[in-house]
């Protein structure tokens, strides 16, 4: 039975837990999600436990699509990160004042009504409330509940993949010079743009540029269930901390048909 479970987690799908805020608003700390292992082929990182040496081989290889949310193990680490695919092999990519420039064209970024992130029962990120950086956006609603409403934008990539991002301040990673994504690599970014150690970040645990597709361990498909900050090791708390509205939410990006047709 154990071998069967390990084989399923290696070749088909595996559950993952979100411990950080780098993919807000689309993923919250406490989300449990299912990641499929086969969309891009299998490599050293596919194993349920990372027991094989890091290498660039892949079986039945395939290239991710713009907007896919993927699991990746960055160089020098055995920890799984979760990020979104922004650049594909051969793309040129840069960022100017927080806007992505992909193959010489600005990626559309439209202002949206602010998302509402619950301020109560926050999960913790390394012992600190995960949304502490949004305190200036704290709002009390008419029903008495308190939420954070950070600036929210809708980004749409060339294939029509569209999703929400949060970008609430000018940061050092809002600008970088144009680079070319090498063959067999992808450029990854978090949706919480000011709080993500991704391909823009070369220090402090970042991905340090484009990452090999062989280091990508699968594609996030959907949220199975989610628990807020009240959850503990006591199973009784799992029921009171459940976020029922998040269960079975798809993690595949929506498709802007007009943009995809234009592409």
Protein backbone atom coordinates (compact mmCIF):
# COMPACT_ATOMS: atom_id res chain seq x y z
CA UNK A 1 0.00 0.00 0.00
CA UNK A 2 2.84 2.37 0.88
CA UNK A 3 4.54 1.69 -2.46
CA UNK A 4 1.25 2.34 -4.23
CA UNK A 5 0.83 5.71 -2.50
CA UNK A 6 4.43 6.71 -3.30
CA UNK A 7 3.98 5.69 -6.93
CA UNK A 8 0.75 7.69 -7.20
CA UNK A 9 2.41 10.78 -5.65
CA UNK A 10 5.39 10.39 -7.99
CA UNK A 11 3.63 9.79 -11.30
CA UNK A 12 0.04 11.06 -11.00
CA UNK A 13 -0.73 13.65 -8.31
CA UNK A 14 0.26 14.80 -4.84
CA UNK A 15 -1.27 17.08 -2.19
CA UNK A 16 0.59 20.24 -1.16
CA UNK A 17 0.18 22.82 1.62
CA UNK A 18 0.61 26.59 1.17
CA UNK A 19 2.80 28.03 3.97
CA UNK A 20 3.48 31.54 2.59
CA UNK A 21 1.71 34.57 1.16
CA UNK A 22 3.64 34.81 -2.12
CA UNK A 23 0.69 33.68 -4.28
CA UNK A 24 -2.05 35.83 -2.74
CA UNK A 25 -4.76 36.62 -3.64
CA UNK A 26 -5.16 33.35 -5.56
CA UNK A 27 -3.64 31.11 -2.88
CA UNK A 28 -3.94 31.75 0.85
CA UNK A 29 -1.81 30.35 3.63
CA UNK A 30 -3.62 27.24 4.84
CA UNK A 31 -4.82 26.17 1.38
CA UNK A 32 -4.35 22.48 0.58
CA UNK A 33 -4.09 21.79 -3.13
CA UNK A 34 -3.63 18.97 -5.59
CA UNK A 35 -0.68 19.07 -7.98
CA UNK A 36 -0.64 16.83 -11.06
CA UNK A 37 2.79 15.31 -11.74
CA UNK A 38 2.58 14.41 -15.45
CA UNK A 39 1.80 17.59 -17.48
CA UNK A 40 5.47 18.45 -18.18
CA UNK A 41 6.90 14.94 -18.08
CA UNK A 42 8.86 13.33 -15.26
CA UNK A 43 12.30 14.26 -13.96
CA UNK A 44 14.42 13.97 -10.81
CA UNK A 45 12.00 16.29 -8.98
CA UNK A 46 8.93 14.13 -9.69
CA UNK A 47 9.71 11.60 -6.95
CA UNK A 48 7.50 11.91 -3.89
CA UNK A 49 10.68 12.57 -1.91
CA UNK A 50 13.61 14.33 -3.59
CA UNK A 51 15.98 11.37 -3.40
CA UNK A 52 17.57 11.62 -6.85
CA UNK A 53 20.50 13.91 -7.76
CA UNK A 54 19.49 17.14 -9.49
CA UNK A 55 19.80 16.69 -13.26
CA UNK A 56 18.31 17.97 -16.53
CA UNK A 57 16.82 14.71 -17.88
CA UNK A 58 13.08 14.48 -18.52
CA UNK A 59 10.82 11.65 -19.65
CA UNK A 60 7.93 12.57 -22.00
CA UNK A 61 8.89 16.27 -21.77
CA UNK A 62 6.39 19.05 -22.37
CA UNK A 63 6.60 22.83 -21.97
CA UNK A 64 4.40 24.67 -19.44
CA UNK A 65 1.91 27.24 -20.68
CA UNK A 66 1.69 30.92 -19.78
CA UNK A 67 -0.18 31.36 -16.52
CA UNK A 68 0.28 27.83 -15.18
CA UNK A 69 0.85 27.63 -11.42
CA UNK A 70 3.70 25.20 -10.85
CA UNK A 71 5.72 23.57 -8.10
CA UNK A 72 9.48 24.09 -8.42
CA UNK A 73 12.55 23.17 -6.36
CA UNK A 74 15.06 26.03 -6.72
CA UNK A 75 18.82 25.48 -7.06
CA UNK A 76 20.56 24.78 -3.78
CA UNK A 77 17.32 23.86 -2.03
CA UNK A 78 15.17 20.80 -1.41
CA UNK A 79 12.10 22.90 -0.57
CA UNK A 80 9.11 23.13 -2.93
CA UNK A 81 8.14 26.63 -4.10
CA UNK A 82 4.90 27.52 -5.88
CA UNK A 83 4.91 30.23 -8.57
CA UNK A 84 3.24 31.22 -11.84
CA UNK A 85 4.76 30.76 -15.31
CA UNK A 86 5.33 34.19 -16.88
CA UNK A 87 8.06 33.53 -19.46
CA UNK A 88 8.68 30.54 -21.75
CA UNK A 89 11.86 29.32 -23.48
CA UNK A 90 13.14 31.89 -25.96
CA UNK A 91 11.07 34.78 -24.55
CA UNK A 92 12.60 38.13 -23.73
CA UNK A 93 11.29 39.51 -20.46
CA UNK A 94 11.81 42.70 -18.48
CA UNK A 95 9.89 44.69 -15.89
CA UNK A 96 9.33 48.44 -15.81
CA UNK A 97 7.62 50.05 -12.82
CA UNK A 98 5.89 46.79 -11.92
CA UNK A 99 4.65 46.00 -15.44
CA UNK A 100 5.98 42.98 -17.32
CA UNK A 101 7.41 43.59 -20.79
CA UNK A 102 7.18 40.28 -22.66
CA UNK A 103 8.82 40.00 -26.07
CA UNK A 104 8.84 43.78 -26.32
CA UNK A 105 5.13 44.19 -25.48
CA UNK A 106 3.70 45.37 -22.14
CA UNK A 107 1.56 42.68 -20.53
CA UNK A 108 -1.91 44.20 -19.95
CA UNK A 109 -2.44 45.10 -16.31
CA UNK A 110 -5.86 46.50 -15.47
CA UNK A 111 -6.98 47.91 -12.12
CA UNK A 112 -9.65 45.76 -10.44
CA UNK A 113 -11.79 46.30 -7.33
CA UNK A 114 -9.58 45.38 -4.36
CA UNK A 115 -9.76 41.77 -3.23
CA UNK A 116 -11.00 41.27 0.30
CA UNK A 117 -8.63 39.25 2.44
CA UNK A 118 -9.93 38.30 5.91
CA UNK A 119 -8.10 40.06 8.73
CA UNK A 120 -9.34 37.71 11.46
CA UNK A 121 -7.81 34.31 12.17
CA UNK A 122 -4.71 35.01 10.12
CA UNK A 123 -2.31 32.17 9.50
CA UNK A 124 1.30 32.71 10.50
CA UNK A 125 4.30 32.97 8.17
CA UNK A 126 7.50 32.16 10.07
CA UNK A 127 5.79 33.19 13.30
CA UNK A 128 4.47 36.50 11.90
CA UNK A 129 0.91 37.26 10.69
CA UNK A 130 1.06 36.69 6.94
CA UNK A 131 -0.81 39.87 6.02
CA UNK A 132 0.97 42.31 8.33
CA UNK A 133 2.19 44.29 5.29
CA UNK A 134 -1.41 45.17 4.37
CA UNK A 135 -2.28 46.97 7.62
CA UNK A 136 -2.80 50.29 5.81
CA UNK A 137 -5.55 48.61 3.78
CA UNK A 138 -7.53 47.40 6.80
CA UNK A 139 -11.27 48.07 6.33
CA UNK A 140 -14.29 47.36 8.52
CA UNK A 141 -17.31 46.29 6.48
CA UNK A 142 -20.95 47.12 7.18
CA UNK A 143 -21.51 43.71 8.77
CA UNK A 144 -18.71 44.40 11.26
CA UNK A 145 -16.15 42.05 9.73
CA UNK A 146 -12.62 43.31 9.08
CA UNK A 147 -10.75 42.73 5.85
CA UNK A 148 -7.67 43.95 4.01
CA UNK A 149 -8.27 45.55 0.60
CA UNK A 150 -4.86 45.87 -1.09
CA UNK A 151 -4.49 47.29 -4.64
CA UNK A 152 -5.47 44.57 -7.09
CA UNK A 153 -4.82 44.22 -10.82
CA UNK A 154 -5.79 41.79 -13.56
CA UNK A 155 -2.86 40.60 -15.65
CA UNK A 156 -3.41 38.92 -19.03
CA UNK A 157 -0.66 36.96 -20.79
CA UNK A 158 -0.37 36.44 -24.58
CA UNK A 159 -2.31 33.15 -24.60
CA UNK A 160 -5.24 34.83 -22.82
CA UNK A 161 -4.42 33.41 -19.38
CA UNK A 162 -5.74 36.01 -16.94
CA UNK A 163 -5.51 36.21 -13.15
CA UNK A 164 -5.38 38.69 -10.27
CA UNK A 165 -2.21 40.05 -8.70
CA UNK A 166 -1.50 42.30 -5.72
CA UNK A 167 1.00 45.14 -6.14
CA UNK A 168 0.81 47.70 -3.36
CA UNK A 169 4.14 49.50 -3.29
CA UNK A 170 7.22 50.40 -5.29
CA UNK A 171 9.86 47.77 -4.66
CA UNK A 172 13.36 46.89 -5.78
CA UNK A 173 12.02 44.03 -7.90
CA UNK A 174 9.56 46.22 -9.84
CA UNK A 175 12.29 46.87 -12.41
CA UNK A 176 14.84 44.63 -14.10
CA UNK A 177 16.70 44.70 -17.39
CA UNK A 178 15.58 42.58 -20.33
CA UNK A 179 16.81 39.00 -20.35
CA UNK A 180 16.28 35.99 -22.57
CA UNK A 181 14.72 32.86 -21.08
CA UNK A 182 17.11 30.02 -22.07
CA UNK A 183 15.96 26.90 -23.87
CA UNK A 184 14.48 24.38 -21.44
CA UNK A 185 13.75 27.07 -18.81
CA UNK A 186 10.79 29.12 -17.57
CA UNK A 187 10.55 32.47 -15.79
CA UNK A 188 8.37 32.31 -12.67
CA UNK A 189 6.76 35.00 -10.51
CA UNK A 190 4.46 35.12 -7.50
CA UNK A 191 1.07 36.85 -7.68
CA UNK A 192 1.79 38.84 -4.50
CA UNK A 193 4.39 40.83 -6.37
CA UNK A 194 5.99 42.72 -3.49
CA UNK A 195 6.36 39.60 -1.33
CA UNK A 196 7.60 36.79 -3.55
CA UNK A 197 11.07 35.22 -3.78
CA UNK A 198 10.83 34.28 -7.46
CA UNK A 199 12.86 34.49 -10.70
CA UNK A 200 13.41 38.23 -10.12
CA UNK A 201 15.20 37.58 -6.83
CA UNK A 202 18.85 36.49 -6.70
CA UNK A 203 19.33 36.64 -2.92
CA UNK A 204 17.47 35.51 0.19
CA UNK A 205 16.05 32.29 -1.17
CA UNK A 206 14.89 33.59 -4.56
CA UNK A 207 14.83 31.50 -7.73
CA UNK A 208 17.78 33.49 -9.16
CA UNK A 209 16.53 33.87 -12.71
CA UNK A 210 14.84 31.43 -15.10
CA UNK A 211 14.64 27.88 -13.76
CA UNK A 212 15.08 24.58 -15.67
CA UNK A 213 11.81 22.85 -16.52
CA UNK A 214 13.49 19.71 -15.14
CA UNK A 215 13.21 21.39 -11.70
CA UNK A 216 9.44 21.85 -12.11
CA UNK A 217 7.61 19.10 -10.26
CA UNK A 218 4.05 19.55 -11.48
CA UNK A 219 1.06 21.82 -12.12
CA UNK A 220 -1.38 23.02 -9.45
CA UNK A 221 -4.91 21.93 -10.37
CA UNK A 222 -7.36 22.79 -7.59
CA UNK A 223 -7.75 23.53 -3.88
CA UNK A 224 -9.00 20.47 -2.01
CA UNK A 225 -9.70 22.31 1.28
CA UNK A 226 -8.41 25.27 3.29
CA UNK A 227 -7.95 25.98 7.01
CA UNK A 228 -7.55 29.41 8.59
CA UNK A 229 -5.31 30.43 11.47
CA UNK A 230 -7.45 28.74 14.14
CA UNK A 231 -6.38 25.26 13.01
CA UNK A 232 -4.05 23.32 15.29
CA UNK A 233 -2.99 19.71 15.80
CA UNK A 234 -6.31 19.14 17.54
CA UNK A 235 -8.64 17.68 14.84
CA UNK A 236 -11.63 19.38 16.47
CA UNK A 237 -10.24 22.77 15.37
CA UNK A 238 -10.20 21.67 11.73
CA UNK A 239 -13.98 21.98 11.52
CA UNK A 240 -14.20 25.48 13.02
CA UNK A 241 -11.28 26.75 10.90
CA UNK A 242 -12.51 25.34 7.58
CA UNK A 243 -12.91 27.83 4.73
CA UNK A 244 -15.75 26.11 2.84
CA UNK A 245 -15.86 28.66 0.01
CA UNK A 246 -12.34 27.70 -1.13
CA UNK A 247 -12.83 23.95 -1.51
CA UNK A 248 -12.61 22.64 -5.09
CA UNK A 249 -11.58 26.03 -6.51
CA UNK A 250 -9.73 25.54 -9.80
CA UNK A 251 -6.17 26.88 -9.99
CA UNK A 252 -6.04 26.91 -13.78
CA UNK A 253 -6.01 30.54 -15.02
CA UNK A 254 -9.16 31.87 -16.63
CA UNK A 255 -8.93 32.45 -20.37
CA UNK A 256 -9.58 35.82 -21.99
CA UNK A 257 -11.00 34.58 -25.30
CA UNK A 258 -10.42 37.88 -27.09
CA UNK A 259 -6.77 37.99 -26.08
CA UNK A 260 -6.25 34.34 -26.97
CA UNK A 261 -7.87 34.81 -30.38
CA UNK A 262 -5.64 37.80 -31.05
CA UNK A 263 -2.62 35.70 -30.14
